[in-house]
Amino acid sequence: TNSKSATYNKEQQEKYRWVEYHKWKFKGRMFTALTSGQ
């Protein structure tokens, strides 16, 4: 975990060779006319 370590980059390569995660997202928009007409 020490970026100054001689083995840091090599072990980062091993750590992120295959990325893993689960990502959740929600987005909602509602439109309400407050007056009449176009």
All heavy atoms as atom14 arrays in JSON, in Angstrom:
{
  "sequence": "TNSKSATYNKEQQEKYRWVEYHKWKFKGRMFTALTSGQ",
  "atom14_mask": [
    [1, 1, 1, 1, 1, 1, 1, 0, 0, 0, 0, 0, 0, 0],
    [1, 1, 1, 1, 1, 1, 1, 1, 0, 0, 0, 0, 0, 0],
    [1, 1, 1, 1, 1, 1, 0, 0, 0, 0, 0, 0, 0, 0],
    [1, 1, 1, 1, 1, 1, 1, 1, 1, 0, 0, 0, 0, 0],
    [1, 1, 1, 1, 1, 1, 0, 0, 0, 0, 0, 0, 0, 0],
    [1, 1, 1, 1, 1, 0, 0, 0, 0, 0, 0, 0, 0, 0],
    [1, 1, 1, 1, 1, 1, 1, 0, 0, 0, 0, 0, 0, 0],
    [1, 1, 1, 1, 1, 1, 1, 1, 1, 1, 1, 1, 0, 0],
    [1, 1, 1, 1, 1, 1, 1, 1, 0, 0, 0, 0, 0, 0],
    [1, 1, 1, 1, 1, 1, 1, 1, 1, 0, 0, 0, 0, 0],
    [1, 1, 1, 1, 1, 1, 1, 1, 1, 0, 0, 0, 0, 0],
    [1, 1, 1, 1, 1, 1, 1, 1, 1, 0, 0, 0, 0, 0],
    [1, 1, 1, 1, 1, 1, 1, 1, 1, 0, 0, 0, 0, 0],
    [1, 1, 1, 1, 1, 1, 1, 1, 1, 0, 0, 0, 0, 0],
    [1, 1, 1, 1, 1, 1, 1, 1, 1, 0, 0, 0, 0, 0],
    [1, 1, 1, 1, 1, 1, 1, 1, 1, 1, 1, 1, 0, 0],
    [1, 1, 1, 1, 1, 1, 1, 1, 1, 1, 1, 0, 0, 0],
    [1, 1, 1, 1, 1, 1, 1, 1, 1, 1, 1, 1, 1, 1],
    [1, 1, 1, 1, 1, 1, 1, 0, 0, 0, 0, 0, 0, 0],
    [1, 1, 1, 1, 1, 1, 1, 1, 1, 0, 0, 0, 0, 0],
    [1, 1, 1, 1, 1, 1, 1, 1, 1, 1, 1, 1, 0, 0],
    [1, 1, 1, 1, 1, 1, 1, 1, 1, 1, 0, 0, 0, 0],
    [1, 1, 1, 1, 1, 1, 1, 1, 1, 0, 0, 0, 0, 0],
    [1, 1, 1, 1, 1, 1, 1, 1, 1, 1, 1, 1, 1, 1],
    [1, 1, 1, 1, 1, 1, 1, 1, 1, 0, 0, 0, 0, 0],
    [1, 1, 1, 1, 1, 1, 1, 1, 1, 1, 1, 0, 0, 0],
    [1, 1, 1, 1, 1, 1, 1, 1, 1, 0, 0, 0, 0, 0],
    [1, 1, 1, 1, 0, 0, 0, 0, 0, 0, 0, 0, 0, 0],
    [1, 1, 1, 1, 1, 1, 1, 1, 1, 1, 1, 0, 0, 0],
    [1, 1, 1, 1, 1, 1, 1, 1, 0, 0, 0, 0, 0, 0],
    [1, 1, 1, 1, 1, 1, 1, 1, 1, 1, 1, 0, 0, 0],
    [1, 1, 1, 1, 1, 1, 1, 0, 0, 0, 0, 0, 0, 0],
    [1, 1, 1, 1, 1, 0, 0, 0, 0, 0, 0, 0, 0, 0],
    [1, 1, 1, 1, 1, 1, 1, 1, 0, 0, 0, 0, 0, 0],
    [1, 1, 1, 1, 1, 1, 1, 0, 0, 0, 0, 0, 0, 0],
    [1, 1, 1, 1, 1, 1, 0, 0, 0, 0, 0, 0, 0, 0],
    [1, 1, 1, 1, 0, 0, 0, 0, 0, 0, 0, 0, 0, 0],
    [1, 1, 1, 1, 1, 1, 1, 1, 1, 0, 0, 0, 0, 0]
  ],
  "atom14_positions": [
    [[0.82, -1.22, 0.0], [0.0, 0.0, 0.0], [0.85, 1.26, 0.0], [0.32, 2.36, -0.15], [-0.91, 0.02, 1.25], [-0.1, -0.07, 2.43], [-1.89, -1.14, 1.21], [0.0, 0.0, 0.0], [0.0, 0.0, 0.0], [0.0, 0.0, 0.0], [0.0, 0.0, 0.0], [0.0, 0.0, 0.0], [0.0, 0.0, 0.0], [0.0, 0.0, 0.0]],
    [[2.15, 1.11, 0.15], [3.06, 2.25, 0.13], [3.51, 2.53, -1.29], [4.2, 1.72, -1.9], [4.27, 1.97, 1.03], [5.21, 3.16, 1.1], [4.96, 4.21, 0.5], [6.3, 3.0, 1.85], [0.0, 0.0, 0.0], [0.0, 0.0, 0.0], [0.0, 0.0, 0.0], [0.0, 0.0, 0.0], [0.0, 0.0, 0.0], [0.0, 0.0, 0.0]],
    [[3.13, 3.68, -1.85], [3.43, 3.99, -3.25], [4.92, 4.13, -3.5], [5.37, 4.1, -4.65], [2.72, 5.29, -3.66], [3.14, 6.37, -2.86], [0.0, 0.0, 0.0], [0.0, 0.0, 0.0], [0.0, 0.0, 0.0], [0.0, 0.0, 0.0], [0.0, 0.0, 0.0], [0.0, 0.0, 0.0], [0.0, 0.0, 0.0], [0.0, 0.0, 0.0]],
    [[5.73, 4.3, -2.45], [7.17, 4.42, -2.62], [7.87, 3.06, -2.57], [9.07, 2.96, -2.76], [7.75, 5.34, -1.55], [7.24, 6.78, -1.65], [7.86, 7.67, -0.59], [7.34, 9.1, -0.71], [7.94, 9.98, 0.33], [0.0, 0.0, 0.0], [0.0, 0.0, 0.0], [0.0, 0.0, 0.0], [0.0, 0.0, 0.0], [0.0, 0.0, 0.0]],
    [[7.12, 2.02, -2.28], [7.69, 0.69, -2.21], [8.1, 0.2, -3.6], [7.45, 0.49, -4.6], [6.66, -0.29, -1.61], [7.09, -1.62, -1.74], [0.0, 0.0, 0.0], [0.0, 0.0, 0.0], [0.0, 0.0, 0.0], [0.0, 0.0, 0.0], [0.0, 0.0, 0.0], [0.0, 0.0, 0.0], [0.0, 0.0, 0.0], [0.0, 0.0, 0.0]],
    [[9.19, -0.54, -3.65], [9.7, -1.03, -4.94], [8.74, -2.02, -5.57], [8.72, -2.2, -6.78], [11.07, -1.67, -4.73], [0.0, 0.0, 0.0], [0.0, 0.0, 0.0], [0.0, 0.0, 0.0], [0.0, 0.0, 0.0], [0.0, 0.0, 0.0], [0.0, 0.0, 0.0], [0.0, 0.0, 0.0], [0.0, 0.0, 0.0], [0.0, 0.0, 0.0]],
    [[7.95, -2.7, -4.76], [7.01, -3.71, -5.28], [5.61, -3.17, -5.46], [4.71, -3.9, -5.85], [6.96, -4.91, -4.31], [6.49, -4.46, -3.03], [8.33, -5.54, -4.15], [0.0, 0.0, 0.0], [0.0, 0.0, 0.0], [0.0, 0.0, 0.0], [0.0, 0.0, 0.0], [0.0, 0.0, 0.0], [0.0, 0.0, 0.0], [0.0, 0.0, 0.0]],
    [[5.42, -1.87, -5.19], [4.06, -1.3, -5.21], [3.39, -1.47, -6.56], [2.28, -2.0, -6.65], [4.13, 0.18, -4.83], [2.79, 0.88, -4.91], [1.85, 0.73, -3.89], [2.47, 1.69, -6.0], [0.62, 1.36, -3.96], [1.24, 2.33, -6.06], [0.33, 2.16, -5.05], [-0.89, 2.79, -5.12], [0.0, 0.0, 0.0], [0.0, 0.0, 0.0]],
    [[4.04, -1.02, -7.63], [3.39, -1.07, -8.94], [3.11, -2.5, -9.39], [2.07, -2.8, -9.95], [4.24, -0.35, -9.99], [3.5, -0.21, -11.31], [2.54, 0.53, -11.43], [3.96, -0.95, -12.31], [0.0, 0.0, 0.0], [0.0, 0.0, 0.0], [0.0, 0.0, 0.0], [0.0, 0.0, 0.0], [0.0, 0.0, 0.0], [0.0, 0.0, 0.0]],
    [[4.06, -3.4, -9.11], [3.87, -4.79, -9.5], [2.68, -5.41, -8.78], [1.87, -6.13, -9.4], [5.14, -5.6, -9.19], [5.05, -7.05, -9.59], [6.33, -7.8, -9.29], [6.23, -9.26, -9.7], [7.49, -10.0, -9.39], [0.0, 0.0, 0.0], [0.0, 0.0, 0.0], [0.0, 0.0, 0.0], [0.0, 0.0, 0.0], [0.0, 0.0, 0.0]],
    [[2.54, -5.1, -7.5], [1.43, -5.67, -6.75], [0.11, -4.97, -7.1], [-0.96, -5.59, -7.01], [1.72, -5.58, -5.26], [2.91, -6.45, -4.86], [2.99, -6.68, -3.36], [2.1, -6.21, -2.63], [3.95, -7.34, -2.93], [0.0, 0.0, 0.0], [0.0, 0.0, 0.0], [0.0, 0.0, 0.0], [0.0, 0.0, 0.0], [0.0, 0.0, 0.0]],
    [[0.17, -3.7, -7.5], [-1.04, -3.05, -7.99], [-1.52, -3.71, -9.28], [-2.72, -3.84, -9.52], [-0.79, -1.56, -8.22], [-0.56, -0.76, -6.95], [-1.79, -0.74, -6.05], [-1.96, -1.58, -5.19], [-2.63, 0.24, -6.25], [0.0, 0.0, 0.0], [0.0, 0.0, 0.0], [0.0, 0.0, 0.0], [0.0, 0.0, 0.0], [0.0, 0.0, 0.0]],
    [[-0.58, -4.12, -10.13], [-0.95, -4.82, -11.35], [-1.68, -6.11, -11.02], [-2.66, -6.48, -11.68], [0.3, -5.12, -12.18], [0.99, -3.89, -12.75], [2.22, -4.26, -13.54], [2.24, -5.26, -14.26], [3.26, -3.46, -13.41], [0.0, 0.0, 0.0], [0.0, 0.0, 0.0], [0.0, 0.0, 0.0], [0.0, 0.0, 0.0], [0.0, 0.0, 0.0]],
    [[-1.19, -6.84, -10.02], [-1.84, -8.08, -9.62], [-3.22, -7.81, -9.01], [-4.18, -8.53, -9.26], [-0.97, -8.83, -8.61], [0.28, -9.44, -9.21], [-0.06, -10.49, -10.26], [-0.97, -11.32, -10.0], [0.55, -10.47, -11.34], [0.0, 0.0, 0.0], [0.0, 0.0, 0.0], [0.0, 0.0, 0.0], [0.0, 0.0, 0.0], [0.0, 0.0, 0.0]],
    [[-3.3, -6.72, -8.25], [-4.55, -6.4, -7.56], [-5.66, -6.06, -8.53], [-6.83, -6.46, -8.33], [-4.3, -5.23, -6.6], [-5.47, -4.9, -5.69], [-5.06, -3.84, -4.68], [-6.17, -3.56, -3.69], [-5.77, -2.55, -2.68], [0.0, 0.0, 0.0], [0.0, 0.0, 0.0], [0.0, 0.0, 0.0], [0.0, 0.0, 0.0], [0.0, 0.0, 0.0]],
    [[-5.33, -5.32, -9.59], [-6.35, -4.83, -10.5], [-6.28, -5.47, -11.88], [-6.78, -4.92, -12.85], [-6.25, -3.31, -10.63], [-6.43, -2.6, -9.32], [-5.42, -1.81, -8.78], [-7.62, -2.73, -8.61], [-5.59, -1.17, -7.56], [-7.79, -2.1, -7.39], [-6.77, -1.31, -6.88], [-6.94, -0.68, -5.66], [0.0, 0.0, 0.0], [0.0, 0.0, 0.0]],
    [[-5.68, -6.64, -11.95], [-5.65, -7.34, -13.23], [-7.08, -7.62, -13.71], [-7.39, -7.49, -14.89], [-4.85, -8.64, -13.11], [-4.63, -9.36, -14.44], [-3.78, -10.59, -14.26], [-2.49, -10.26, -13.69], [-1.44, -9.82, -14.4], [-1.57, -9.64, -15.7], [-0.3, -9.54, -13.8], [0.0, 0.0, 0.0], [0.0, 0.0, 0.0], [0.0, 0.0, 0.0]],
    [[-7.93, -8.04, -12.77], [-9.36, -8.19, -13.05], [-10.12, -7.34, -12.04], [-10.07, -7.59, -10.85], [-9.79, -9.65, -12.96], [-9.33, -10.46, -14.12], [-8.22, -11.25, -14.19], [-9.96, -10.53, -15.41], [-8.11, -11.82, -15.44], [-9.18, -11.4, -16.21], [-11.1, -9.97, -15.96], [-9.5, -11.7, -17.52], [-11.44, -10.28, -17.28], [-10.63, -11.13, -18.03]],
    [[-10.8, -6.32, -12.54], [-11.54, -5.39, -11.68], [-12.86, -6.04, -11.25], [-13.51, -6.73, -12.03], [-11.83, -4.08, -12.44], [-12.56, -3.1, -11.53], [-10.54, -3.48, -12.95], [0.0, 0.0, 0.0], [0.0, 0.0, 0.0], [0.0, 0.0, 0.0], [0.0, 0.0, 0.0], [0.0, 0.0, 0.0], [0.0, 0.0, 0.0], [0.0, 0.0, 0.0]],
    [[-13.24, -5.79, -9.99], [-14.5, -6.32, -9.51], [-15.27, -5.26, -8.72], [-14.68, -4.45, -8.01], [-14.29, -7.57, -8.64], [-13.53, -7.32, -7.34], [-13.42, -8.57, -6.49], [-13.25, -9.65, -7.07], [-13.51, -8.45, -5.25], [0.0, 0.0, 0.0], [0.0, 0.0, 0.0], [0.0, 0.0, 0.0], [0.0, 0.0, 0.0], [0.0, 0.0, 0.0]],
    [[-16.58, -5.26, -8.89], [-17.44, -4.31, -8.19], [-18.9, -4.66, -8.46], [-19.22, -5.47, -9.33], [-17.17, -2.87, -8.66], [-17.37, -2.65, -10.14], [-18.64, -2.38, -10.67], [-16.3, -2.71, -11.02], [-18.83, -2.17, -12.03], [-16.49, -2.51, -12.38], [-17.75, -2.24, -12.88], [-17.93, -2.05, -14.22], [0.0, 0.0, 0.0], [0.0, 0.0, 0.0]],
    [[-19.79, -4.05, -7.71], [-21.22, -4.05, -8.04], [-21.69, -2.6, -7.9], [-21.45, -1.93, -6.9], [-22.03, -5.0, -7.15], [-21.78, -4.85, -5.68], [-22.53, -4.03, -4.87], [-20.84, -5.43, -4.88], [-22.09, -4.11, -3.63], [-21.06, -4.94, -3.59], [0.0, 0.0, 0.0], [0.0, 0.0, 0.0], [0.0, 0.0, 0.0], [0.0, 0.0, 0.0]],
    [[-22.35, -2.11, -8.95], [-22.7, -0.69, -9.04], [-24.21, -0.54, -9.19], [-24.81, -1.13, -10.09], [-21.98, -0.07, -10.24], [-22.13, 1.43, -10.36], [-21.26, 1.97, -11.49], [-21.27, 3.49, -11.53], [-20.37, 4.02, -12.59], [0.0, 0.0, 0.0], [0.0, 0.0, 0.0], [0.0, 0.0, 0.0], [0.0, 0.0, 0.0], [0.0, 0.0, 0.0]],
    [[-24.8, 0.27, -8.31], [-26.25, 0.47, -8.28], [-26.56, 1.94, -8.54], [-25.92, 2.82, -7.97], [-26.82, 0.07, -6.92], [-26.42, -1.3, -6.49], [-25.21, -1.7, -5.99], [-27.22, -2.49, -6.54], [-25.21, -3.05, -5.71], [-26.43, -3.56, -6.05], [-28.54, -2.74, -6.95], [-26.91, -4.85, -5.96], [-29.02, -4.04, -6.85], [-28.21, -5.08, -6.36]],
    [[-27.54, 2.18, -9.37], [-27.88, 3.56, -9.68], [-29.38, 3.7, -9.93], [-30.0, 2.84, -10.54], [-27.1, 4.05, -10.91], [-27.22, 5.55, -11.13], [-26.27, 6.05, -12.2], [-26.4, 7.56, -12.37], [-25.47, 8.1, -13.39], [0.0, 0.0, 0.0], [0.0, 0.0, 0.0], [0.0, 0.0, 0.0], [0.0, 0.0, 0.0], [0.0, 0.0, 0.0]],
    [[-29.9, 4.85, -9.44], [-31.3, 5.19, -9.67], [-31.38, 6.66, -10.06], [-30.7, 7.51, -9.47], [-32.16, 4.95, -8.43], [-33.57, 5.46, -8.57], [-34.53, 4.69, -9.18], [-33.92, 6.72, -8.09], [-35.83, 5.16, -9.33], [-35.21, 7.2, -8.24], [-36.17, 6.42, -8.86], [0.0, 0.0, 0.0], [0.0, 0.0, 0.0], [0.0, 0.0, 0.0]],
    [[-32.21, 6.96, -11.06], [-32.43, 8.34, -11.48], [-33.88, 8.51, -11.85], [-34.43, 7.72, -12.63], [-31.55, 8.7, -12.67], [-31.71, 10.13, -13.16], [-30.77, 10.46, -14.29], [-30.93, 11.9, -14.76], [-29.99, 12.23, -15.87], [0.0, 0.0, 0.0], [0.0, 0.0, 0.0], [0.0, 0.0, 0.0], [0.0, 0.0, 0.0], [0.0, 0.0, 0.0]],
    [[-34.51, 9.54, -11.3], [-35.91, 9.8, -11.6], [-36.17, 11.29, -11.8], [-35.62, 12.13, -11.08], [0.0, 0.0, 0.0], [0.0, 0.0, 0.0], [0.0, 0.0, 0.0], [0.0, 0.0, 0.0], [0.0, 0.0, 0.0], [0.0, 0.0, 0.0], [0.0, 0.0, 0.0], [0.0, 0.0, 0.0], [0.0, 0.0, 0.0], [0.0, 0.0, 0.0]],
    [[-36.99, 11.61, -12.81], [-37.41, 12.99, -13.05], [-38.92, 13.0, -13.27], [-39.46, 12.16, -14.01], [-36.72, 13.59, -14.28], [-35.22, 13.72, -14.13], [-34.64, 14.68, -15.17], [-34.92, 14.28, -16.54], [-34.65, 15.04, -17.61], [-34.14, 16.25, -17.45], [-34.92, 14.58, -18.82], [0.0, 0.0, 0.0], [0.0, 0.0, 0.0], [0.0, 0.0, 0.0]],
    [[-39.6, 13.96, -12.65], [-41.04, 14.12, -12.81], [-41.32, 15.54, -13.3], [-40.7, 16.5, -12.84], [-41.77, 13.86, -11.5], [-41.65, 12.43, -11.0], [-42.66, 12.13, -9.52], [-44.3, 12.39, -10.18], [0.0, 0.0, 0.0], [0.0, 0.0, 0.0], [0.0, 0.0, 0.0], [0.0, 0.0, 0.0], [0.0, 0.0, 0.0], [0.0, 0.0, 0.0]],
    [[-42.27, 15.66, -14.23], [-42.63, 16.94, -14.81], [-44.09, 17.23, -14.5], [-44.98, 16.42, -14.79], [-42.4, 16.93, -16.32], [-40.97, 16.63, -16.71], [-40.55, 15.32, -16.92], [-40.05, 17.65, -16.84], [-39.25, 15.04, -17.27], [-38.73, 17.38, -17.19], [-38.33, 16.07, -17.4], [0.0, 0.0, 0.0], [0.0, 0.0, 0.0], [0.0, 0.0, 0.0]],
    [[-44.34, 18.42, -13.92], [-45.69, 18.81, -13.52], [-46.01, 20.18, -14.08], [-45.29, 21.16, -13.8], [-45.81, 18.86, -11.98], [-45.4, 17.6, -11.44], [-47.24, 19.15, -11.57], [0.0, 0.0, 0.0], [0.0, 0.0, 0.0], [0.0, 0.0, 0.0], [0.0, 0.0, 0.0], [0.0, 0.0, 0.0], [0.0, 0.0, 0.0], [0.0, 0.0, 0.0]],
    [[-47.07, 20.28, -14.89], [-47.5, 21.57, -15.44], [-48.24, 22.35, -14.37], [-49.25, 21.88, -13.83], [-48.38, 21.35, -16.66], [0.0, 0.0, 0.0], [0.0, 0.0, 0.0], [0.0, 0.0, 0.0], [0.0, 0.0, 0.0], [0.0, 0.0, 0.0], [0.0, 0.0, 0.0], [0.0, 0.0, 0.0], [0.0, 0.0, 0.0], [0.0, 0.0, 0.0]],
    [[-47.76, 23.56, -14.06], [-48.37, 24.38, -13.02], [-49.41, 25.34, -13.57], [-50.21, 25.9, -12.81], [-47.29, 25.16, -12.26], [-46.2, 24.31, -11.61], [-45.2, 25.2, -10.88], [-46.79, 23.3, -10.64], [0.0, 0.0, 0.0], [0.0, 0.0, 0.0], [0.0, 0.0, 0.0], [0.0, 0.0, 0.0], [0.0, 0.0, 0.0], [0.0, 0.0, 0.0]],
    [[-49.37, 25.58, -14.89], [-50.38, 26.42, -15.55], [-50.88, 25.67, -16.78], [-50.32, 24.63, -17.17], [-49.79, 27.78, -15.95], [-48.67, 27.57, -16.82], [-49.33, 28.56, -14.72], [0.0, 0.0, 0.0], [0.0, 0.0, 0.0], [0.0, 0.0, 0.0], [0.0, 0.0, 0.0], [0.0, 0.0, 0.0], [0.0, 0.0, 0.0], [0.0, 0.0, 0.0]],
    [[-51.9, 26.19, -17.42], [-52.48, 25.54, -18.58], [-51.92, 26.12, -19.87], [-51.24, 27.15, -19.86], [-54.01, 25.69, -18.58], [-54.36, 27.08, -18.58], [0.0, 0.0, 0.0], [0.0, 0.0, 0.0], [0.0, 0.0, 0.0], [0.0, 0.0, 0.0], [0.0, 0.0, 0.0], [0.0, 0.0, 0.0], [0.0, 0.0, 0.0], [0.0, 0.0, 0.0]],
    [[-52.18, 25.44, -21.0], [-51.74, 25.92, -22.29], [-50.42, 25.3, -22.72], [-49.76, 24.58, -21.96], [0.0, 0.0, 0.0], [0.0, 0.0, 0.0], [0.0, 0.0, 0.0], [0.0, 0.0, 0.0], [0.0, 0.0, 0.0], [0.0, 0.0, 0.0], [0.0, 0.0, 0.0], [0.0, 0.0, 0.0], [0.0, 0.0, 0.0], [0.0, 0.0, 0.0]],
    [[-50.05, 25.57, -23.99], [-48.79, 25.05, -24.52], [-47.59, 25.66, -23.81], [-46.67, 24.98, -23.4], [-48.71, 25.32, -26.02], [-49.62, 24.45, -26.88], [-49.15, 23.01, -26.91], [-49.69, 22.15, -26.22], [-48.14, 22.74, -27.71], [0.0, 0.0, 0.0], [0.0, 0.0, 0.0], [0.0, 0.0, 0.0], [0.0, 0.0, 0.0], [0.0, 0.0, 0.0]]
  ]
}
